[in-house]
Amino acid sequence: MITRRSLFATAAAVAATPLLASVASAQSWKAAYPELTFAIVPAENAAGVMDRWTPFLAYLSKEIGTPVKLRVANDYAAVIEGQRSGNVHIANYGAASFARARIIGVKTEAVLTDMNGDGSDGYYSVFYVLAKSPYQKVADLKGKNLGLVDPNSTSGNNMPRFVLNEMKIKPDEFFSKVVFTGSHENAVIALAQGQVDICANAWTNEQSSTLTQMLTKGMLKFADGKPMQYSDFRIIEKSPSILNGPYALLEDLPADLKAGIVKAFKDAPTKAKTEFARLSDGQNKGFEDMTTAKYDDTVKLVRFVDSLRKAS
């Protein structure tokens, strides 16, 4: 006989089913992924990356419910290979390194990107020279030394080569030497120390760039020890806008794990204000949804630069 008590019991069981399924699903992926690895392309030295990201990953671990460890890669290629091998579950790419990962068949998908303080989601590649130098445009530097970042850097190699090609400049012929410095910070240091005469780097605005971060940390000094200022550098060329690099997840991660990661990131500006602000020295506004398809133009850029190298 159907009674009021049995009806309530049935309703309660039905209501509990989605919750139980969710718990069971979470337990299932936690068994398969007892630890996650987050890798980041090196925009600064390893100590700086650790200091910037460790508190945030502690927050992320708590929100997701499983430990997330940080892997500071030696170069962009290491992040790509880490995801290709399945050892890196979450990666913070530059636009070009993500494009390279897609070109070589890495099963990764863009889910988020950084939102700048003004709500935009792009930045630029710029060519810096020292302000005390006589150089006012790239054409003035024929026979001088150019500092780039890494072959897989967007702002530190791919976009600069595109911009130079638009000027009909072949870097290896125009400059006396073209060197890869290994990181955005190293490129600026090479310029400051006179190892190169011009360098390519990332720049969002006058308040947000690798250069401003380095100046804030007191990393740039003259030979006499006097701290350098922003005014000691001059931008002589700026590229078209570049889409901020993505946070990308392995495609085969469980859907509810992916959703949990994305939610934790998007909640960070309110749930972990200090940890979030540390990532960009307070310059960024948050994280916004992103898709893999939005980097199709960057894939074209990387393939175009590849063609330039093959033709030279």
Protein backbone atom coordinates (compact mmCIF):
# COMPACT_ATOMS: atom_id res chain seq x y z
CA MET A 1 0.00 0.00 0.00
CA ILE A 2 1.25 3.46 -0.90
CA THR A 3 1.45 5.62 2.19
CA ARG A 4 2.47 9.21 2.79
CA ARG A 5 5.65 7.96 4.43
CA SER A 6 6.58 5.82 1.41
CA LEU A 7 5.91 8.74 -0.94
CA PHE A 8 8.26 10.98 1.06
CA ALA A 9 10.88 8.24 1.12
CA THR A 10 10.66 7.80 -2.65
CA ALA A 11 10.89 11.56 -3.25
CA ALA A 12 13.90 11.83 -0.98
CA ALA A 13 15.62 8.98 -2.78
CA VAL A 14 14.99 10.59 -6.17
CA ALA A 15 16.27 13.96 -4.95
CA ALA A 16 19.40 12.36 -3.54
CA THR A 17 20.25 10.47 -6.74
CA PRO A 18 22.00 13.38 -8.57
CA LEU A 19 24.00 14.24 -5.44
CA LEU A 20 25.07 10.62 -4.95
CA ALA A 21 26.00 10.39 -8.62
CA SER A 22 28.06 13.57 -8.33
CA VAL A 23 29.87 12.28 -5.25
CA ALA A 24 30.50 8.93 -6.93
CA SER A 25 31.86 10.70 -10.04
CA ALA A 26 34.20 12.85 -7.97
CA GLN A 27 35.46 9.81 -6.08
CA SER A 28 36.00 8.09 -9.43
CA TRP A 29 38.22 10.80 -10.93
CA LYS A 30 40.08 11.33 -7.65
CA ALA A 31 41.12 7.69 -7.77
CA ALA A 32 42.44 8.20 -11.30
CA TYR A 33 43.96 11.63 -10.57
CA PRO A 34 45.23 11.69 -6.97
CA GLU A 35 47.43 14.64 -7.94
CA LEU A 36 47.33 17.18 -10.75
CA THR A 37 50.28 18.97 -12.34
CA PHE A 38 50.11 22.61 -13.42
CA ALA A 39 52.88 23.84 -15.73
CA ILE A 40 53.63 27.37 -16.78
CA VAL A 41 55.77 28.83 -19.54
CA PRO A 42 58.67 30.81 -18.09
CA ALA A 43 58.07 34.57 -18.32
CA GLU A 44 60.37 35.17 -15.33
CA ASN A 45 62.97 33.26 -13.35
CA ALA A 46 62.00 30.07 -11.53
CA ALA A 47 62.08 31.65 -8.07
CA GLY A 48 59.72 34.39 -9.25
CA VAL A 49 57.30 31.86 -10.72
CA MET A 50 57.29 29.82 -7.50
CA ASP A 51 56.69 32.89 -5.36
CA ARG A 52 53.90 34.10 -7.64
CA TRP A 53 52.03 30.82 -8.14
CA THR A 54 52.50 28.64 -5.04
CA PRO A 55 49.84 30.41 -2.89
CA PHE A 56 47.34 30.28 -5.77
CA LEU A 57 47.86 26.57 -6.31
CA ALA A 58 47.29 25.96 -2.59
CA TYR A 59 43.90 27.65 -3.06
CA LEU A 60 43.25 25.66 -6.24
CA SER A 61 44.08 22.38 -4.49
CA LYS A 62 41.61 23.16 -1.72
CA GLU A 63 38.83 24.12 -4.13
CA ILE A 64 39.26 21.13 -6.41
CA GLY A 65 39.79 18.73 -3.56
CA THR A 66 43.03 17.20 -4.80
CA PRO A 67 46.66 18.41 -4.68
CA VAL A 68 47.88 20.54 -7.58
CA LYS A 69 51.65 20.73 -7.89
CA LEU A 70 53.57 23.37 -9.81
CA ARG A 71 56.03 22.49 -12.53
CA VAL A 72 58.24 25.37 -13.62
CA ALA A 73 59.35 24.46 -17.12
CA ASN A 74 62.80 25.29 -18.45
CA ASP A 75 61.31 26.43 -21.73
CA TYR A 76 58.10 26.52 -23.73
CA ALA A 77 58.80 23.20 -25.41
CA ALA A 78 58.85 21.46 -22.02
CA VAL A 79 55.28 22.53 -21.30
CA ILE A 80 54.16 21.29 -24.72
CA GLU A 81 55.90 17.96 -24.22
CA GLY A 82 54.48 17.68 -20.70
CA GLN A 83 50.94 17.83 -22.03
CA ARG A 84 51.70 15.59 -24.99
CA SER A 85 52.95 12.90 -22.60
CA GLY A 86 49.92 13.39 -20.33
CA ASN A 87 52.07 14.38 -17.35
CA VAL A 88 50.83 17.99 -17.28
CA HIS A 89 47.10 18.29 -16.71
CA ILE A 90 46.78 22.09 -16.59
CA ALA A 91 49.04 24.39 -18.58
CA ASN A 92 49.38 28.12 -18.85
CA TYR A 93 50.53 28.70 -22.42
CA GLY A 94 51.46 31.67 -24.50
CA ALA A 95 49.30 31.96 -27.61
CA ALA A 96 52.06 30.70 -29.93
CA SER A 97 53.17 27.83 -27.72
CA PHE A 98 49.54 26.69 -27.48
CA ALA A 99 49.33 26.94 -31.28
CA ARG A 100 52.50 24.85 -31.56
CA ALA A 101 51.01 22.24 -29.25
CA ARG A 102 47.96 22.01 -31.52
CA ILE A 103 50.10 21.83 -34.66
CA ILE A 104 51.99 18.80 -33.37
CA GLY A 105 48.80 17.08 -32.21
CA VAL A 106 48.75 17.58 -28.44
CA LYS A 107 45.27 16.74 -27.10
CA THR A 108 44.75 19.95 -25.17
CA GLU A 109 41.92 22.48 -25.05
CA ALA A 110 41.79 26.14 -24.07
CA VAL A 111 39.28 26.88 -21.31
CA LEU A 112 40.27 30.24 -19.81
CA THR A 113 42.49 33.26 -20.33
CA ASP A 114 43.53 36.25 -18.24
CA MET A 115 41.33 39.34 -18.22
CA ASN A 116 43.35 42.55 -18.09
CA GLY A 117 42.50 45.28 -15.61
CA ASP A 118 40.53 47.21 -18.23
CA GLY A 119 38.51 44.12 -19.20
CA SER A 120 40.45 43.44 -22.41
CA ASP A 121 42.12 40.11 -23.15
CA GLY A 122 45.09 41.03 -25.31
CA TYR A 123 48.62 42.39 -25.21
CA TYR A 124 51.39 43.39 -27.62
CA SER A 125 54.86 42.50 -28.72
CA VAL A 126 57.16 45.50 -28.53
CA PHE A 127 60.73 46.25 -29.51
CA TYR A 128 62.65 47.98 -26.72
CA VAL A 129 65.88 49.95 -26.95
CA LEU A 130 67.60 51.90 -24.20
CA ALA A 131 66.37 55.49 -24.03
CA LYS A 132 69.95 56.80 -24.07
CA SER A 133 70.59 55.10 -27.42
CA PRO A 134 70.20 57.00 -30.71
CA TYR A 135 67.79 54.42 -32.15
CA GLN A 136 64.31 55.71 -32.98
CA LYS A 137 63.09 52.96 -35.33
CA VAL A 138 64.02 49.39 -36.19
CA ALA A 139 65.66 50.51 -39.45
CA ASP A 140 68.28 52.34 -37.36
CA LEU A 141 69.60 49.05 -35.96
CA LYS A 142 71.08 47.43 -39.06
CA GLY A 143 74.17 45.46 -38.06
CA LYS A 144 73.26 45.52 -34.35
CA ASN A 145 72.29 42.66 -32.01
CA LEU A 146 68.68 41.53 -31.53
CA GLY A 147 67.49 39.70 -28.41
CA LEU A 148 64.51 37.37 -28.75
CA VAL A 149 62.95 35.16 -26.07
CA ASP A 150 62.24 31.59 -27.18
CA PRO A 151 61.30 29.98 -30.52
CA ASN A 152 57.81 29.22 -29.15
CA SER A 153 57.20 32.67 -27.62
CA THR A 154 54.46 34.76 -29.22
CA SER A 155 55.64 38.22 -28.21
CA GLY A 156 59.30 37.22 -28.03
CA ASN A 157 59.72 35.53 -31.41
CA ASN A 158 56.73 34.75 -33.63
CA MET A 159 55.06 38.16 -33.66
CA PRO A 160 58.39 40.06 -33.86
CA ARG A 161 59.36 38.02 -36.93
CA PHE A 162 55.97 38.75 -38.48
CA VAL A 163 56.41 42.49 -37.81
CA LEU A 164 59.95 42.48 -39.21
CA ASN A 165 58.75 40.66 -42.31
CA GLU A 166 56.15 43.39 -42.82
CA MET A 167 59.11 45.81 -42.85
CA LYS A 168 60.88 43.61 -45.43
CA ILE A 169 63.54 42.83 -42.85
CA LYS A 170 65.15 39.39 -42.68
CA PRO A 171 66.49 39.21 -39.10
CA ASP A 172 69.45 36.93 -39.77
CA GLU A 173 70.64 39.20 -42.57
CA PHE A 174 69.73 42.59 -41.15
CA PHE A 175 71.12 42.14 -37.62
CA SER A 176 74.67 41.21 -36.76
CA LYS A 177 73.42 38.62 -34.28
CA VAL A 178 70.02 37.22 -33.29
CA VAL A 179 70.00 35.48 -29.90
CA PHE A 180 67.38 33.59 -27.93
CA THR A 181 67.73 34.67 -24.30
CA GLY A 182 65.42 32.01 -22.82
CA SER A 183 62.87 34.20 -21.04
CA HIS A 184 61.23 37.62 -21.23
CA GLU A 185 63.23 38.76 -18.20
CA ASN A 186 66.51 37.59 -19.73
CA ALA A 187 65.78 39.54 -22.89
CA VAL A 188 65.32 42.78 -20.93
CA ILE A 189 68.44 42.07 -18.85
CA ALA A 190 70.44 41.47 -22.02
CA LEU A 191 69.33 44.88 -23.29
CA ALA A 192 70.02 46.63 -20.00
CA GLN A 193 73.51 45.13 -19.81
CA GLY A 194 74.39 45.97 -23.41
CA GLN A 195 74.52 42.36 -24.64
CA VAL A 196 71.91 43.24 -27.27
CA ASP A 197 70.91 46.60 -28.74
CA ILE A 198 67.22 45.83 -29.21
CA CYS A 199 64.94 43.22 -27.67
CA ALA A 200 61.42 41.93 -28.22
CA ASN A 201 59.08 41.54 -25.27
CA ALA A 202 55.52 41.41 -23.97
CA TRP A 203 53.68 44.63 -23.12
CA THR A 204 50.07 45.26 -22.13
CA ASN A 205 50.25 48.92 -21.14
CA GLU A 206 52.57 51.27 -19.26
CA GLN A 207 51.48 49.75 -15.96
CA SER A 208 51.59 46.08 -16.98
CA SER A 209 54.51 44.38 -18.71
CA THR A 210 57.51 42.21 -17.97
CA LEU A 211 59.54 45.40 -17.77
CA THR A 212 57.32 47.00 -15.12
CA GLN A 213 57.34 43.78 -13.06
CA MET A 214 61.14 43.70 -13.16
CA LEU A 215 61.41 47.36 -12.18
CA THR A 216 59.02 46.78 -9.26
CA LYS A 217 61.25 43.93 -8.05
CA GLY A 218 64.40 46.05 -8.42
CA MET A 219 65.92 43.68 -10.94
CA LEU A 220 67.31 46.31 -13.31
CA LYS A 221 70.26 48.51 -12.36
CA PHE A 222 72.93 50.59 -14.04
CA ALA A 223 76.57 49.54 -13.74
CA ASP A 224 76.96 51.86 -10.73
CA GLY A 225 74.09 50.13 -8.92
CA LYS A 226 71.55 52.89 -9.46
CA PRO A 227 68.04 51.50 -10.10
CA MET A 228 66.75 51.86 -13.64
CA GLN A 229 63.40 53.49 -14.37
CA TYR A 230 60.71 52.88 -16.98
CA SER A 231 61.90 56.06 -18.71
CA ASP A 232 65.31 54.44 -19.28
CA PHE A 233 63.71 52.28 -21.98
CA ARG A 234 62.03 53.26 -25.23
CA ILE A 235 59.53 51.36 -27.34
CA ILE A 236 60.29 51.85 -31.02
CA GLU A 237 57.74 49.42 -32.48
CA LYS A 238 54.50 47.80 -31.31
CA SER A 239 52.72 44.86 -32.92
CA PRO A 240 49.04 44.29 -33.60
CA SER A 241 47.14 43.00 -30.55
CA ILE A 242 47.80 39.41 -29.45
CA LEU A 243 45.19 37.32 -27.65
CA ASN A 244 46.30 36.49 -24.10
CA GLY A 245 47.58 32.94 -23.80
CA PRO A 246 45.20 30.25 -22.57
CA TYR A 247 44.92 28.04 -19.55
CA ALA A 248 44.55 24.66 -21.22
CA LEU A 249 43.41 21.28 -19.93
CA LEU A 250 44.06 17.81 -21.28
CA GLU A 251 41.08 16.90 -23.43
CA ASP A 252 40.53 13.53 -21.76
CA LEU A 253 40.15 14.85 -18.21
CA PRO A 254 36.72 14.03 -16.72
CA ALA A 255 34.10 16.67 -17.48
CA ASP A 256 33.30 17.35 -13.83
CA LEU A 257 37.00 17.77 -13.01
CA LYS A 258 37.36 20.27 -15.86
CA ALA A 259 34.29 22.14 -14.62
CA GLY A 260 35.70 22.24 -11.08
CA ILE A 261 39.03 23.63 -12.27
CA VAL A 262 37.36 26.34 -14.36
CA LYS A 263 35.04 27.31 -11.50
CA ALA A 264 37.93 27.55 -9.03
CA PHE A 265 39.85 29.85 -11.36
CA LYS A 266 36.84 32.10 -12.02
CA ASP A 267 35.98 32.29 -8.31
CA ALA A 268 39.54 33.24 -7.33
CA PRO A 269 39.19 37.06 -7.54
CA THR A 270 36.57 36.90 -4.76
CA LYS A 271 37.50 33.71 -2.88
CA ALA A 272 41.27 34.19 -2.93
CA LYS A 273 41.84 37.90 -3.47
CA THR A 274 45.42 38.01 -2.19
CA GLU A 275 46.54 34.87 -4.00
CA PHE A 276 44.89 36.02 -7.23
CA ALA A 277 46.31 39.56 -7.07
CA ARG A 278 49.82 38.12 -6.60
CA LEU A 279 49.68 36.48 -10.04
CA SER A 280 49.76 39.83 -11.87
CA ASP A 281 50.87 42.26 -9.17
CA GLY A 282 47.25 43.35 -8.95
CA GLN A 283 46.99 44.26 -12.64
CA ASN A 284 44.49 41.65 -13.85
CA LYS A 285 40.72 41.69 -13.32
CA GLY A 286 40.01 37.97 -13.46
CA PHE A 287 39.72 35.00 -15.79
CA GLU A 288 37.36 34.72 -18.75
CA ASP A 289 36.10 31.75 -20.73
CA MET A 290 38.17 30.86 -23.79
CA THR A 291 37.94 28.34 -26.61
CA THR A 292 40.56 26.54 -28.67
CA ALA A 293 39.10 27.89 -31.91
CA LYS A 294 39.94 31.46 -30.94
CA TYR A 295 43.63 30.63 -31.40
CA ASP A 296 43.19 29.58 -35.03
CA ASP A 297 44.73 32.87 -36.19
CA THR A 298 47.75 32.23 -33.98
CA VAL A 299 48.15 28.80 -35.57
CA LYS A 300 48.27 30.58 -38.93
CA LEU A 301 50.85 33.03 -37.55
CA VAL A 302 53.12 30.23 -36.30
CA ARG A 303 52.87 28.36 -39.59
CA PHE A 304 53.67 31.58 -41.46
CA VAL A 305 56.78 32.17 -39.34
CA ASP A 306 57.77 28.54 -39.90
CA SER A 307 57.55 29.17 -43.63
CA LEU A 308 59.82 32.22 -43.29
CA ARG A 309 62.48 30.13 -41.56
CA LYS A 310 62.26 27.40 -44.19
CA ALA A 311 62.61 29.97 -46.97
CA SER A 312 65.66 31.66 -45.45
